[in-house]
Amino acid sequence: MTSIIPAGQEPAETDRADQVGSPPAWLRSLLTAMHEEIRDAVREDLGLQEKAFLSAEAHQGAGDVSFQIDVRPEEIVGQTFGRAPEAVVVICEGLGRATFPAGAGEGEAAWWVIIDPLDGSREISYGKRSAWVLSGVAPASPAPTLADIVWAIQTEVPVLAQTTGVVLSAGSGQPAVAKSYDLTVRSAAPVTHGLHPSAAASVRGGYAVFTDYFAGSHAVTAQLADLVFDHALGPVKPGEALAFNDQYLSTAGCMYLMACGTYRFCADLRPVVGRLAARSGRNVGLCAHPYDLCTYLIARQAGVLLTDPAGGPLSYPLATDVDCGWVGYANQSIRNEMETPLLRAIANADREIPVYRRIT
């Protein structure tokens, strides 16, 4: 369930900071302000620059290629944490891992922050769908993972035609919080519906998505998906739309659509697909990384059931170079319907999915 916070009634940061295990108020405020600055900078660039420029490659960053639209967000991350009043370890797409402020040692930091400055760069640079700014915070430890994240914030960067955007946050063991901001008058407003995953008992007739973003492994992903649907729902009848597909080029965007009831099921199996594609000398290409999943806590606290492709918890290390997969179920009924067919399809994929043969 989600707490809907009307304008002017948000809890004070000092109240939140008193919660056991919660990051301090200064770190929450720092991240909230950074997200707003990135959102404004990206929307400014959208109004000033051509799509061809914003979508062009800028450099090879840590974890992924950075496009021109990513440059200012990455700069803002560095500038923001350069002003941090205490030591903090930052793991950031495009920038890698560093301790801030300058001169601080990693051993001095009480908190690690993992950041994706702009998840969904391709969507927003072409004005297609919203992008998102993502941050997750974990207590310092020798090797923190996604499972250690205790607070997360996710800020929508809407296309220019959209004048409102949501800001989502959650703490471990607390309800997810959803706020809506009017970007024209720069004020908060009540969220109409909040975050409520679908209560449907089946994916039949709804969105059930297998992410399949890039060229090179479409055939394998499709065969894996059809194996799951065949076992879960049975054969498709003539004239029937059994379940619907969608491809949102943003991991956080997909999790948001799970949390607000649009998607009933979503599986990003790119590491699994990559293993299957490798049998024929093919490569899945780009996978999700931990920074793409760093706000999963919000969807989980909203009620979405999230696992890795093997059915275990999301516990990837906080790093920029780890390939990740994930599966989301809107509720337990849908998990009962889809999980066993999914795990069976993955286990039997080497036998049931033929090795792809290139046509020459």
Protein backbone atom coordinates (compact mmCIF):
# COMPACT_ATOMS: atom_id res chain seq x y z
CA MET A 1 0.00 0.00 0.00
CA THR A 2 1.03 3.59 -0.58
CA SER A 3 0.79 6.61 1.66
CA ILE A 4 -0.57 9.56 -0.33
CA ILE A 5 0.86 12.80 1.03
CA PRO A 6 -1.25 15.89 0.28
CA ALA A 7 0.57 19.13 -0.43
CA GLY A 8 1.83 20.82 2.70
CA GLN A 9 1.39 17.76 4.92
CA GLU A 10 4.67 15.95 4.27
CA PRO A 11 6.43 14.65 7.41
CA ALA A 12 9.43 16.70 8.41
CA GLU A 13 12.82 15.28 7.49
CA THR A 14 13.82 15.35 11.15
CA ASP A 15 10.91 13.03 11.94
CA ARG A 16 11.99 10.58 9.26
CA ALA A 17 15.59 10.71 10.40
CA ASP A 18 14.51 9.44 13.81
CA GLN A 19 13.41 6.13 12.30
CA VAL A 20 15.78 3.28 13.14
CA GLY A 21 18.12 2.47 10.27
CA SER A 22 17.02 5.47 8.21
CA PRO A 23 19.61 7.64 6.46
CA PRO A 24 20.16 11.03 8.10
CA ALA A 25 18.13 14.07 7.13
CA TRP A 26 21.06 15.74 5.37
CA LEU A 27 21.49 12.78 3.01
CA ARG A 28 17.80 12.55 2.21
CA SER A 29 17.66 16.30 1.55
CA LEU A 30 20.81 16.16 -0.58
CA LEU A 31 19.37 13.42 -2.77
CA THR A 32 15.94 15.04 -3.05
CA ALA A 33 17.48 18.34 -4.19
CA MET A 34 19.85 16.53 -6.59
CA HIS A 35 16.92 14.71 -8.20
CA GLU A 36 15.06 17.97 -8.70
CA GLU A 37 18.10 19.63 -10.22
CA ILE A 38 18.62 16.75 -12.65
CA ARG A 39 14.95 16.74 -13.63
CA ASP A 40 15.05 20.48 -14.38
CA ALA A 41 18.34 20.24 -16.29
CA VAL A 42 17.11 17.43 -18.52
CA ARG A 43 13.85 19.20 -19.30
CA GLU A 44 15.81 22.36 -20.11
CA ASP A 45 17.98 20.38 -22.54
CA LEU A 46 14.90 18.87 -24.13
CA GLY A 47 13.65 22.36 -24.93
CA LEU A 48 16.97 23.61 -26.29
CA GLN A 49 18.61 20.68 -28.08
CA GLU A 50 17.69 18.54 -31.06
CA LYS A 51 16.76 14.87 -30.56
CA ALA A 52 19.66 13.79 -32.76
CA PHE A 53 22.13 15.56 -30.46
CA LEU A 54 20.63 14.40 -27.17
CA SER A 55 20.54 10.77 -28.32
CA ALA A 56 24.12 10.78 -29.63
CA GLU A 57 26.85 8.93 -27.72
CA ALA A 58 28.94 11.17 -25.47
CA HIS A 59 31.36 8.65 -23.94
CA GLN A 60 31.67 5.13 -22.58
CA GLY A 61 30.84 5.47 -18.91
CA ALA A 62 30.92 3.05 -16.00
CA GLY A 63 28.36 0.35 -16.75
CA ASP A 64 26.93 1.71 -20.00
CA VAL A 65 27.30 4.20 -22.82
CA SER A 66 26.51 7.76 -21.74
CA PHE A 67 24.53 9.80 -24.26
CA GLN A 68 24.57 13.58 -24.53
CA ILE A 69 21.38 13.76 -22.49
CA ASP A 70 23.22 11.95 -19.66
CA VAL A 71 26.13 14.41 -19.44
CA ARG A 72 24.54 17.10 -17.25
CA PRO A 73 22.93 14.59 -14.84
CA GLU A 74 26.32 12.93 -14.27
CA GLU A 75 27.94 16.32 -13.69
CA ILE A 76 25.23 17.24 -11.17
CA VAL A 77 25.87 14.04 -9.20
CA GLY A 78 29.56 14.90 -8.85
CA GLN A 79 28.85 18.51 -7.92
CA THR A 80 26.19 17.52 -5.38
CA PHE A 81 28.31 15.03 -3.48
CA GLY A 82 31.28 17.36 -3.61
CA ARG A 83 29.27 19.41 -1.08
CA ALA A 84 28.44 16.45 1.18
CA PRO A 85 29.03 17.36 4.85
CA GLU A 86 30.10 13.81 5.70
CA ALA A 87 31.89 10.99 3.89
CA VAL A 88 29.68 8.88 1.61
CA VAL A 89 30.50 6.19 -0.96
CA VAL A 90 28.77 6.77 -4.29
CA ILE A 91 28.27 4.11 -7.00
CA CYS A 92 26.92 5.81 -10.09
CA GLU A 93 26.26 4.85 -13.69
CA GLY A 94 28.69 6.73 -15.87
CA LEU A 95 30.95 7.75 -12.97
CA GLY A 96 31.79 4.46 -11.24
CA ARG A 97 32.60 4.20 -7.53
CA ALA A 98 34.05 7.08 -5.52
CA THR A 99 34.10 8.51 -2.02
CA PHE A 100 32.93 12.07 -1.45
CA PRO A 101 33.81 14.78 -0.56
CA ALA A 102 37.31 14.96 -2.00
CA GLY A 103 39.91 13.62 0.39
CA ALA A 104 37.51 11.42 2.36
CA GLY A 105 38.32 7.75 2.75
CA GLU A 106 35.87 4.94 2.06
CA GLY A 107 36.31 3.65 5.61
CA GLU A 108 34.99 6.96 6.98
CA ALA A 109 31.63 6.61 5.23
CA ALA A 110 28.58 5.48 7.19
CA TRP A 111 26.43 5.25 4.03
CA TRP A 112 26.68 4.00 0.45
CA VAL A 113 24.49 5.52 -2.25
CA ILE A 114 23.87 3.87 -5.61
CA ILE A 115 22.57 6.16 -8.35
CA ASP A 116 21.29 6.06 -11.89
CA PRO A 117 21.30 9.74 -12.92
CA LEU A 118 18.87 9.10 -15.78
CA ASP A 119 17.18 5.75 -16.35
CA GLY A 120 15.35 5.77 -19.67
CA SER A 121 17.64 8.09 -21.63
CA ARG A 122 16.44 6.83 -25.01
CA GLU A 123 12.78 7.24 -24.08
CA ILE A 124 13.14 10.84 -22.94
CA SER A 125 15.62 12.01 -25.57
CA TYR A 126 13.10 11.17 -28.30
CA GLY A 127 10.15 12.57 -26.31
CA LYS A 128 8.56 9.12 -26.13
CA ARG A 129 8.13 8.43 -22.40
CA SER A 130 9.38 9.63 -19.04
CA ALA A 131 12.86 8.94 -17.72
CA TRP A 132 13.68 8.58 -14.00
CA VAL A 133 16.34 9.69 -11.53
CA LEU A 134 17.15 6.86 -9.11
CA SER A 135 18.95 6.66 -5.77
CA GLY A 136 19.16 3.90 -3.18
CA VAL A 137 20.89 4.18 0.21
CA ALA A 138 22.47 1.34 2.19
CA PRO A 139 24.45 1.31 5.46
CA ALA A 140 28.19 0.94 4.97
CA SER A 141 29.49 -2.63 5.07
CA PRO A 142 32.35 -4.55 3.44
CA ALA A 143 30.17 -5.64 0.50
CA PRO A 144 26.68 -4.10 0.47
CA THR A 145 24.03 -5.44 -1.90
CA LEU A 146 20.63 -4.36 -3.17
CA ALA A 147 19.12 -6.28 -0.24
CA ASP A 148 20.85 -3.83 2.14
CA ILE A 149 19.12 -0.74 0.74
CA VAL A 150 17.01 0.90 3.45
CA TRP A 151 15.73 4.00 1.64
CA ALA A 152 15.16 4.89 -2.00
CA ILE A 153 13.88 7.83 -4.01
CA GLN A 154 12.71 7.80 -7.64
CA THR A 155 11.90 11.03 -9.48
CA GLU A 156 10.06 11.21 -12.78
CA VAL A 157 11.53 13.30 -15.60
CA PRO A 158 8.49 13.75 -17.84
CA VAL A 159 8.45 14.64 -21.52
CA LEU A 160 7.94 18.32 -22.24
CA ALA A 161 4.28 17.86 -23.17
CA GLN A 162 3.65 16.64 -19.61
CA THR A 163 3.48 19.25 -16.85
CA THR A 164 3.34 16.98 -13.80
CA GLY A 165 5.69 14.32 -12.51
CA VAL A 166 5.69 11.92 -9.60
CA VAL A 167 8.29 11.53 -6.88
CA LEU A 168 8.32 8.17 -5.13
CA SER A 169 10.16 7.11 -1.99
CA ALA A 170 10.19 4.29 0.52
CA GLY A 171 12.05 3.16 3.59
CA SER A 172 12.57 -0.41 4.69
CA GLY A 173 9.52 -1.61 6.57
CA GLN A 174 7.54 1.54 5.72
CA PRO A 175 4.80 2.22 3.15
CA ALA A 176 5.85 3.67 -0.18
CA VAL A 177 5.17 7.41 -0.48
CA ALA A 178 3.91 8.99 -3.70
CA LYS A 179 3.85 12.71 -4.38
CA SER A 180 2.88 14.61 -7.52
CA TYR A 181 4.55 17.86 -8.57
CA ASP A 182 3.18 20.48 -10.92
CA LEU A 183 6.27 21.56 -12.81
CA THR A 184 4.60 24.69 -14.15
CA VAL A 185 3.84 26.34 -10.82
CA ARG A 186 6.56 24.41 -8.93
CA SER A 187 4.25 23.04 -6.24
CA ALA A 188 3.21 19.71 -4.79
CA ALA A 189 -0.30 18.34 -5.25
CA PRO A 190 -2.13 15.29 -3.92
CA VAL A 191 -1.67 12.08 -5.90
CA THR A 192 -5.01 10.91 -7.26
CA HIS A 193 -4.59 7.15 -6.94
CA GLY A 194 -1.16 6.34 -5.50
CA LEU A 195 0.67 3.05 -5.90
CA HIS A 196 -1.58 0.01 -5.97
CA PRO A 197 -0.42 -3.08 -7.89
CA SER A 198 -3.06 -4.86 -9.93
CA ALA A 199 -5.44 -7.05 -7.93
CA ALA A 200 -6.27 -9.18 -10.99
CA ALA A 201 -6.03 -12.91 -10.36
CA SER A 202 -4.45 -13.65 -13.75
CA VAL A 203 -2.30 -12.00 -16.40
CA ARG A 204 -4.91 -13.04 -18.95
CA GLY A 205 -6.11 -9.90 -20.73
CA GLY A 206 -3.49 -7.69 -19.07
CA TYR A 207 0.08 -6.56 -19.61
CA ALA A 208 2.53 -9.42 -19.06
CA VAL A 209 5.93 -8.31 -20.29
CA PHE A 210 9.20 -10.02 -21.13
CA THR A 211 11.77 -7.28 -21.72
CA ASP A 212 13.27 -7.58 -25.18
CA TYR A 213 14.87 -4.25 -25.95
CA PHE A 214 17.77 -4.88 -28.30
CA ALA A 215 18.61 -6.68 -31.53
CA GLY A 216 20.46 -10.00 -31.37
CA SER A 217 18.32 -12.25 -29.18
CA HIS A 218 14.67 -11.57 -30.01
CA ALA A 219 14.06 -15.16 -31.11
CA VAL A 220 15.31 -16.66 -27.85
CA THR A 221 13.32 -14.23 -25.67
CA ALA A 222 10.15 -14.88 -27.66
CA GLN A 223 10.48 -18.65 -27.42
CA LEU A 224 11.11 -18.46 -23.68
CA ALA A 225 8.09 -16.19 -23.22
CA ASP A 226 5.82 -18.46 -25.25
CA LEU A 227 6.89 -21.49 -23.23
CA VAL A 228 5.81 -19.68 -20.08
CA PHE A 229 2.50 -18.50 -21.50
CA ASP A 230 1.70 -21.95 -22.91
CA HIS A 231 2.18 -23.58 -19.51
CA ALA A 232 0.48 -20.79 -17.53
CA LEU A 233 -2.49 -19.94 -19.77
CA GLY A 234 -2.77 -22.67 -22.38
CA PRO A 235 -2.83 -22.23 -26.16
CA VAL A 236 -4.02 -19.01 -27.75
CA LYS A 237 -7.41 -19.32 -29.43
CA PRO A 238 -8.06 -17.81 -32.88
CA GLY A 239 -8.93 -14.13 -32.54
CA GLU A 240 -7.85 -14.01 -28.88
CA ALA A 241 -5.50 -11.47 -27.31
CA LEU A 242 -4.23 -13.67 -24.47
CA ALA A 243 -1.90 -11.07 -22.86
CA PHE A 244 -0.41 -7.79 -23.97
CA ASN A 245 3.22 -6.80 -24.51
CA ASP A 246 4.98 -3.48 -23.96
CA GLN A 247 8.62 -2.41 -24.00
CA TYR A 248 9.47 0.49 -21.69
CA LEU A 249 13.22 1.17 -22.01
CA SER A 250 13.61 1.86 -18.29
CA THR A 251 13.89 -0.71 -15.52
CA ALA A 252 12.58 1.78 -12.96
CA GLY A 253 9.79 2.72 -15.35
CA CYS A 254 8.75 -0.93 -15.59
CA MET A 255 8.77 -1.28 -11.80
CA TYR A 256 6.66 1.88 -11.55
CA LEU A 257 4.13 0.41 -13.98
CA MET A 258 4.05 -2.73 -11.83
CA ALA A 259 3.51 -0.65 -8.68
CA CYS A 260 0.71 1.50 -10.12
CA GLY A 261 -1.25 -1.42 -11.57
CA THR A 262 -0.48 -1.15 -15.30
CA TYR A 263 1.73 -4.23 -15.63
CA ARG A 264 0.63 -7.44 -13.95
CA PHE A 265 3.87 -9.29 -14.65
CA CYS A 266 7.30 -8.28 -15.88
CA ALA A 267 10.40 -10.42 -16.42
CA ASP A 268 13.82 -9.11 -17.42
CA LEU A 269 15.68 -12.32 -18.18
CA ARG A 270 18.55 -10.91 -20.19
CA PRO A 271 21.28 -12.82 -18.28
CA VAL A 272 19.36 -16.07 -18.91
CA VAL A 273 18.71 -15.17 -22.55
CA GLY A 274 22.40 -14.33 -22.95
CA ARG A 275 23.42 -17.80 -21.80
CA LEU A 276 21.01 -19.39 -24.26
CA ALA A 277 22.03 -17.11 -27.11
CA ALA A 278 25.71 -17.89 -26.50
CA ARG A 279 25.12 -21.48 -27.62
CA SER A 280 24.91 -20.17 -31.18
CA GLY A 281 27.68 -17.60 -30.82
CA ARG A 282 25.30 -14.70 -30.23
CA ASN A 283 25.31 -12.10 -27.46
CA VAL A 284 22.38 -10.55 -25.61
CA GLY A 285 24.23 -7.23 -25.50
CA LEU A 286 23.35 -4.86 -22.68
CA CYS A 287 21.83 -6.14 -19.42
CA ALA A 288 20.40 -4.24 -16.47
CA HIS A 289 22.84 -3.35 -13.70
CA PRO A 290 22.36 -2.81 -9.95
CA TYR A 291 21.91 0.95 -10.38
CA ASP A 292 18.90 0.25 -12.64
CA LEU A 293 17.30 -1.73 -9.81
CA CYS A 294 18.36 0.52 -6.93
CA THR A 295 14.82 1.78 -6.22
CA TYR A 296 13.18 -1.67 -6.23
CA LEU A 297 12.37 -1.07 -2.54
CA ILE A 298 9.63 1.37 -3.59
CA ALA A 299 7.80 -1.20 -5.72
CA ARG A 300 8.28 -3.85 -3.04
CA GLN A 301 6.88 -1.63 -0.29
CA ALA A 302 3.95 -0.80 -2.58
CA GLY A 303 3.14 -4.51 -2.71
CA VAL A 304 4.89 -5.83 -5.83
CA LEU A 305 6.50 -9.25 -5.39
CA LEU A 306 10.04 -9.10 -6.77
CA THR A 307 12.62 -11.85 -7.30
CA ASP A 308 15.69 -12.61 -9.34
CA PRO A 309 15.25 -15.02 -12.31
CA ALA A 310 15.87 -18.02 -10.02
CA GLY A 311 13.10 -16.98 -7.63
CA GLY A 312 15.43 -15.64 -4.96
CA PRO A 313 15.70 -12.15 -3.46
CA LEU A 314 17.30 -9.25 -5.32
CA SER A 315 20.76 -9.25 -3.73
CA TYR A 316 23.13 -8.12 -6.47
CA PRO A 317 26.22 -6.26 -5.19
CA LEU A 318 26.23 -2.46 -5.36
CA ALA A 319 28.40 -2.11 -8.48
CA THR A 320 28.27 -0.83 -12.03
CA ASP A 321 29.48 -3.98 -13.82
CA VAL A 322 27.13 -6.77 -12.66
CA ASP A 323 24.53 -8.13 -15.10
CA CYS A 324 21.13 -8.39 -13.41
CA GLY A 325 17.76 -9.96 -14.11
CA TRP A 326 14.50 -9.56 -12.22
CA VAL A 327 10.90 -10.71 -12.17
CA GLY A 328 7.89 -8.83 -10.83
CA TYR A 329 4.45 -10.20 -9.91
CA ALA A 330 1.56 -7.86 -9.09
CA ASN A 331 0.22 -10.17 -6.38
CA GLN A 332 0.41 -13.70 -5.01
CA SER A 333 -2.28 -15.07 -7.36
CA ILE A 334 -0.29 -13.98 -10.38
CA ARG A 335 2.89 -15.33 -8.83
CA ASN A 336 1.13 -18.68 -8.35
CA GLU A 337 0.07 -18.59 -11.99
CA MET A 338 3.38 -17.55 -13.56
CA GLU A 339 6.33 -18.47 -11.36
CA THR A 340 6.36 -22.26 -11.73
CA PRO A 341 5.96 -22.11 -15.55
CA LEU A 342 8.72 -19.48 -15.65
CA LEU A 343 11.18 -21.47 -13.54
CA ARG A 344 10.34 -24.63 -15.50
CA ALA A 345 10.90 -22.88 -18.82
CA ILE A 346 14.27 -21.56 -17.66
CA ALA A 347 15.32 -24.98 -16.34
CA ASN A 348 14.30 -26.74 -19.56
CA ALA A 349 15.38 -24.03 -22.00
CA ASP A 350 18.49 -25.81 -23.24
CA ARG A 351 16.32 -28.73 -24.37
CA GLU A 352 13.17 -26.91 -25.49
CA ILE A 353 14.67 -23.86 -27.21
CA PRO A 354 16.70 -24.90 -30.26
CA VAL A 355 20.07 -23.42 -31.02
CA TYR A 356 19.58 -20.52 -33.40
CA ARG A 357 20.92 -21.14 -36.90
CA ARG A 358 21.96 -18.15 -38.93
CA ILE A 359 20.44 -18.01 -42.42
CA THR A 360 23.16 -17.51 -45.04
